[in-house]
Amino acid sequence: MKIFKIITLLFALTLHGGNVSAQKVYSVDADYKADVKVYVVDAGYKADLLVYKVNADYKAGKNDGKWFFTDADYKADKKIYFVDAGYKADIKIYFVDSDYKAKWNKSDKKHTMY
């Protein structure tokens, strides 16, 4: 199973030419429409990813936690769905108040946003 994840990740990187940017997100209204299911936790130490919401698409990061929420799904790199429980989530996030605080706490989950 682990080898399959590694192969999938390498394939995805090859398709993108190594330039991975999955930080333009769109919030969908149903879990089956989502690429990634997200749960918002109440403290940074509980999160896989600390997220800072930027106010322009050009400020979106390259899988570093700086997210721009698009107004249409076709403009997004990833479609996300906010779930109501942590066990339903692919990743757990916490919104931070400064861009320099955005980062991955658990790098083993980083592949979810590629």
C-alpha atoms as a PDB file:
ATOM      1  CA  MET A   1       0.000   0.000   0.000  1.00  0.00           C
ATOM      2  CA  LYS A   2       2.823   2.402   0.866  1.00  0.00           C
ATOM      3  CA  ILE A   3       4.547   1.759  -2.457  1.00  0.00           C
ATOM      4  CA  PHE A   4       1.302   2.629  -4.259  1.00  0.00           C
ATOM      5  CA  LYS A   5       1.189   6.025  -2.491  1.00  0.00           C
ATOM      6  CA  ILE A   6       4.806   6.709  -3.414  1.00  0.00           C
ATOM      7  CA  ILE A   7       4.212   5.802  -7.060  1.00  0.00           C
ATOM      8  CA  THR A   8       1.075   7.948  -7.149  1.00  0.00           C
ATOM      9  CA  LEU A   9       2.950  10.899  -5.659  1.00  0.00           C
ATOM     10  CA  LEU A  10       5.826  10.544  -8.127  1.00  0.00           C
ATOM     11  CA  PHE A  11       3.354  10.326 -11.008  1.00  0.00           C
ATOM     12  CA  ALA A  12       1.586  13.484  -9.828  1.00  0.00           C
ATOM     13  CA  LEU A  13       4.887  15.347  -9.544  1.00  0.00           C
ATOM     14  CA  THR A  14       5.835  14.255 -13.054  1.00  0.00           C
ATOM     15  CA  LEU A  15       2.553  15.531 -14.464  1.00  0.00           C
ATOM     16  CA  HIS A  16       3.091  18.906 -12.849  1.00  0.00           C
ATOM     17  CA  GLY A  17       6.699  19.087 -13.905  1.00  0.00           C
ATOM     18  CA  GLY A  18       7.769  19.386 -10.293  1.00  0.00           C
ATOM     19  CA  ASN A  19       5.918  22.702  -9.892  1.00  0.00           C
ATOM     20  CA  VAL A  20       3.341  21.715  -7.326  1.00  0.00           C
ATOM     21  CA  SER A  21       0.805  24.324  -6.317  1.00  0.00           C
ATOM     22  CA  ALA A  22      -2.380  23.093  -4.752  1.00  0.00           C
ATOM     23  CA  GLN A  23      -3.272  26.037  -2.624  1.00  0.00           C
ATOM     24  CA  LYS A  24      -6.121  27.555  -4.587  1.00  0.00           C
ATOM     25  CA  VAL A  25      -9.098  25.877  -3.002  1.00  0.00           C
ATOM     26  CA  TYR A  26     -12.844  25.825  -3.498  1.00  0.00           C
ATOM     27  CA  SER A  27     -15.247  24.763  -0.800  1.00  0.00           C
ATOM     28  CA  VAL A  28     -17.844  22.341  -2.202  1.00  0.00           C
ATOM     29  CA  ASP A  29     -21.243  21.569  -0.697  1.00  0.00           C
ATOM     30  CA  ALA A  30     -21.003  17.769  -0.604  1.00  0.00           C
ATOM     31  CA  ASP A  31     -18.274  15.332   0.372  1.00  0.00           C
ATOM     32  CA  TYR A  32     -18.483  13.310  -2.848  1.00  0.00           C
ATOM     33  CA  LYS A  33     -17.528  16.437  -4.839  1.00  0.00           C
ATOM     34  CA  ALA A  34     -14.357  17.000  -2.820  1.00  0.00           C
ATOM     35  CA  ASP A  35     -10.765  16.060  -3.495  1.00  0.00           C
ATOM     36  CA  VAL A  36      -9.941  16.494   0.182  1.00  0.00           C
ATOM     37  CA  LYS A  37     -12.101  16.352   3.297  1.00  0.00           C
ATOM     38  CA  VAL A  38     -11.054  18.908   5.900  1.00  0.00           C
ATOM     39  CA  TYR A  39     -11.807  19.286   9.580  1.00  0.00           C
ATOM     40  CA  VAL A  40     -11.108  22.518  11.456  1.00  0.00           C
ATOM     41  CA  VAL A  41      -9.634  21.899  14.914  1.00  0.00           C
ATOM     42  CA  ASP A  42      -9.715  24.283  17.866  1.00  0.00           C
ATOM     43  CA  ALA A  43      -5.952  24.496  18.480  1.00  0.00           C
ATOM     44  CA  GLY A  44      -2.863  24.631  16.286  1.00  0.00           C
ATOM     45  CA  TYR A  45      -1.106  21.680  17.925  1.00  0.00           C
ATOM     46  CA  LYS A  46      -4.008  19.396  16.929  1.00  0.00           C
ATOM     47  CA  ALA A  47      -3.728  20.311  13.245  1.00  0.00           C
ATOM     48  CA  ASP A  48      -1.945  18.580  10.395  1.00  0.00           C
ATOM     49  CA  LEU A  49      -1.749  21.931   8.607  1.00  0.00           C
ATOM     50  CA  LEU A  50      -1.796  25.516   9.834  1.00  0.00           C
ATOM     51  CA  VAL A  51      -3.666  27.550   7.201  1.00  0.00           C
ATOM     52  CA  TYR A  52      -3.547  31.259   6.461  1.00  0.00           C
ATOM     53  CA  LYS A  53      -6.230  32.628   4.147  1.00  0.00           C
ATOM     54  CA  VAL A  54      -4.676  34.999   1.605  1.00  0.00           C
ATOM     55  CA  ASN A  55      -6.713  37.687  -0.138  1.00  0.00           C
ATOM     56  CA  ALA A  56      -5.458  37.223  -3.703  1.00  0.00           C
ATOM     57  CA  ASP A  57      -4.804  34.176  -5.875  1.00  0.00           C
ATOM     58  CA  TYR A  58      -1.224  35.195  -6.680  1.00  0.00           C
ATOM     59  CA  LYS A  59      -0.438  35.084  -2.949  1.00  0.00           C
ATOM     60  CA  ALA A  60      -1.431  31.425  -2.694  1.00  0.00           C
ATOM     61  CA  GLY A  61       1.421  29.229  -1.597  1.00  0.00           C
ATOM     62  CA  LYS A  62       2.905  26.067  -3.011  1.00  0.00           C
ATOM     63  CA  ASN A  63       1.510  23.545  -0.535  1.00  0.00           C
ATOM     64  CA  ASP A  64       2.728  25.565   2.435  1.00  0.00           C
ATOM     65  CA  GLY A  65      -0.588  26.444   4.064  1.00  0.00           C
ATOM     66  CA  LYS A  66      -1.332  29.725   2.304  1.00  0.00           C
ATOM     67  CA  TRP A  67      -4.779  29.170   0.815  1.00  0.00           C
ATOM     68  CA  PHE A  68      -6.827  31.294  -1.536  1.00  0.00           C
ATOM     69  CA  PHE A  69     -10.512  30.440  -1.683  1.00  0.00           C
ATOM     70  CA  THR A  70     -11.720  30.749  -5.273  1.00  0.00           C
ATOM     71  CA  ASP A  71     -15.247  31.693  -6.310  1.00  0.00           C
ATOM     72  CA  ALA A  72     -15.590  28.781  -8.745  1.00  0.00           C
ATOM     73  CA  ASP A  73     -14.490  25.155  -8.672  1.00  0.00           C
ATOM     74  CA  TYR A  74     -12.767  25.263 -12.059  1.00  0.00           C
ATOM     75  CA  LYS A  75     -10.363  27.933 -10.760  1.00  0.00           C
ATOM     76  CA  ALA A  76      -9.219  25.774  -7.854  1.00  0.00           C
ATOM     77  CA  ASP A  77      -6.373  23.306  -7.609  1.00  0.00           C
ATOM     78  CA  LYS A  78      -8.255  21.378  -4.929  1.00  0.00           C
ATOM     79  CA  LYS A  79     -11.911  21.109  -4.020  1.00  0.00           C
ATOM     80  CA  ILE A  80     -12.379  20.757  -0.288  1.00  0.00           C
ATOM     81  CA  TYR A  81     -15.301  19.804   1.917  1.00  0.00           C
ATOM     82  CA  PHE A  82     -15.507  20.770   5.560  1.00  0.00           C
ATOM     83  CA  VAL A  83     -16.586  17.736   7.602  1.00  0.00           C
ATOM     84  CA  ASP A  84     -18.163  17.844  11.043  1.00  0.00           C
ATOM     85  CA  ALA A  85     -15.879  15.342  12.765  1.00  0.00           C
ATOM     86  CA  GLY A  86     -12.144  14.695  12.790  1.00  0.00           C
ATOM     87  CA  TYR A  87     -12.393  10.998  11.968  1.00  0.00           C
ATOM     88  CA  LYS A  88     -14.102  11.855   8.656  1.00  0.00           C
ATOM     89  CA  ALA A  89     -11.264  14.124   7.532  1.00  0.00           C
ATOM     90  CA  ASP A  90      -8.290  13.546   5.271  1.00  0.00           C
ATOM     91  CA  ILE A  91      -6.525  16.440   6.997  1.00  0.00           C
ATOM     92  CA  LYS A  92      -7.118  18.545  10.074  1.00  0.00           C
ATOM     93  CA  ILE A  93      -6.450  22.266   9.780  1.00  0.00           C
ATOM     94  CA  TYR A  94      -6.263  25.276  12.027  1.00  0.00           C
ATOM     95  CA  PHE A  95      -6.621  28.832  10.703  1.00  0.00           C
ATOM     96  CA  VAL A  96      -3.793  31.143  11.796  1.00  0.00           C
ATOM     97  CA  ASP A  97      -3.741  34.933  11.843  1.00  0.00           C
ATOM     98  CA  SER A  98      -0.417  35.554  10.042  1.00  0.00           C
ATOM     99  CA  ASP A  99       1.099  34.166   6.861  1.00  0.00           C
ATOM    100  CA  TYR A 100       4.422  33.319   8.506  1.00  0.00           C
ATOM    101  CA  LYS A 101       2.603  30.889  10.840  1.00  0.00           C
ATOM    102  CA  ALA A 102       1.269  28.791   7.932  1.00  0.00           C
ATOM    103  CA  LYS A 103       3.011  25.410   7.782  1.00  0.00           C
ATOM    104  CA  TRP A 104       2.629  21.661   7.898  1.00  0.00           C
ATOM    105  CA  ASN A 105       2.741  20.177  11.390  1.00  0.00           C
ATOM    106  CA  LYS A 106       2.540  16.652  10.008  1.00  0.00           C
ATOM    107  CA  SER A 107       4.468  16.275   6.775  1.00  0.00           C
ATOM    108  CA  ASP A 108       3.110  12.739   6.256  1.00  0.00           C
ATOM    109  CA  LYS A 109      -0.218  14.354   5.269  1.00  0.00           C
ATOM    110  CA  LYS A 110       1.369  16.752   2.762  1.00  0.00           C
ATOM    111  CA  HIS A 111       0.525  14.485  -0.174  1.00  0.00           C
ATOM    112  CA  THR A 112      -3.195  15.167   0.322  1.00  0.00           C
ATOM    113  CA  MET A 113      -2.840  18.670  -1.105  1.00  0.00           C
ATOM    114  CA  TYR A 114      -0.694  17.763  -4.143  1.00  0.00           C
END
